[in-house]
């Protein structure tokens, strides 16, 4: 009795002809992963030599860091508790306003950058490239620009976060619009609705919860970014972190870090719950 699993020579030959490159890959395909690995390894070795990375240097750095950790204990705000709380609130306000203004700008631009809303390919291409240009400039660079223009203070931080946020938010919103369910659009269109009515009744109800959820996520990130912007003079708690570390007040630095970690944890927790309510996700 012939086994049902018996394979004839003709079937083997046909399989080799059809999938021979998979069964027996060519020398180039076998050698390519090894060649790429060798290139990456060589690049890492070159970086190690170029930057002068040695175990001795690593040991010295680790010893110095351990000294800083010892100096941080116990954390102590000294007489500046009120100042630290005020600066932390300022950082939170910078993050909130920067995210809010960025989201307001991004909301209409998202529809302008969606190919299913703006049919003209030239306009769509230009808008998307504008998004790419602004996405390529980090908030720290914007902070340096606005500090030079508006002077030291939270105004520069708010504007920097706004400029760093609107393009990514607009791009994410445009992609959400392009992937929106077409059935509500077709239903509203068949009822004789205008283009504005299609946006209002078919697209906005689908996209607005997604955009709000994305804005909340950016707010979480901006709370951390706002602290960094303060180091270059954009206001907030980052100014105190920079000044105190330069003057070796590591116990105060430790207190600020603990205070900031508590704030970030609370914001992450609240924001996660709000995103769940907005998008209807289960807890």
Foldseek 3Di string as FASTA:
>chain_A
DDDPPDDDPVNVVVCCVVCVCPVPNDPCVVCVVVVVVVVVVVVVVVVCVVVVDDPVVVVVVVVVVVVLVVLQPPADQPPCPVVLVVLLVLLLVLLVLLLVLLLVLLVVLLLQLACVNPVPPVSNVVSLVVLVVLLVDALLNQLLVVCVVVNFEQVSSSPSSSSNRNSVLSPVLNVQQNPFDCVLLVVCVVVVDDSVVSCVRPRCVRRVLVSVLVSLVSSLVSSVVSLCSVCSRNTGNVVVLNVCVVVSNSSSNSVSVVVSVVVSVVSVVVSVVVSCVSVVPDD
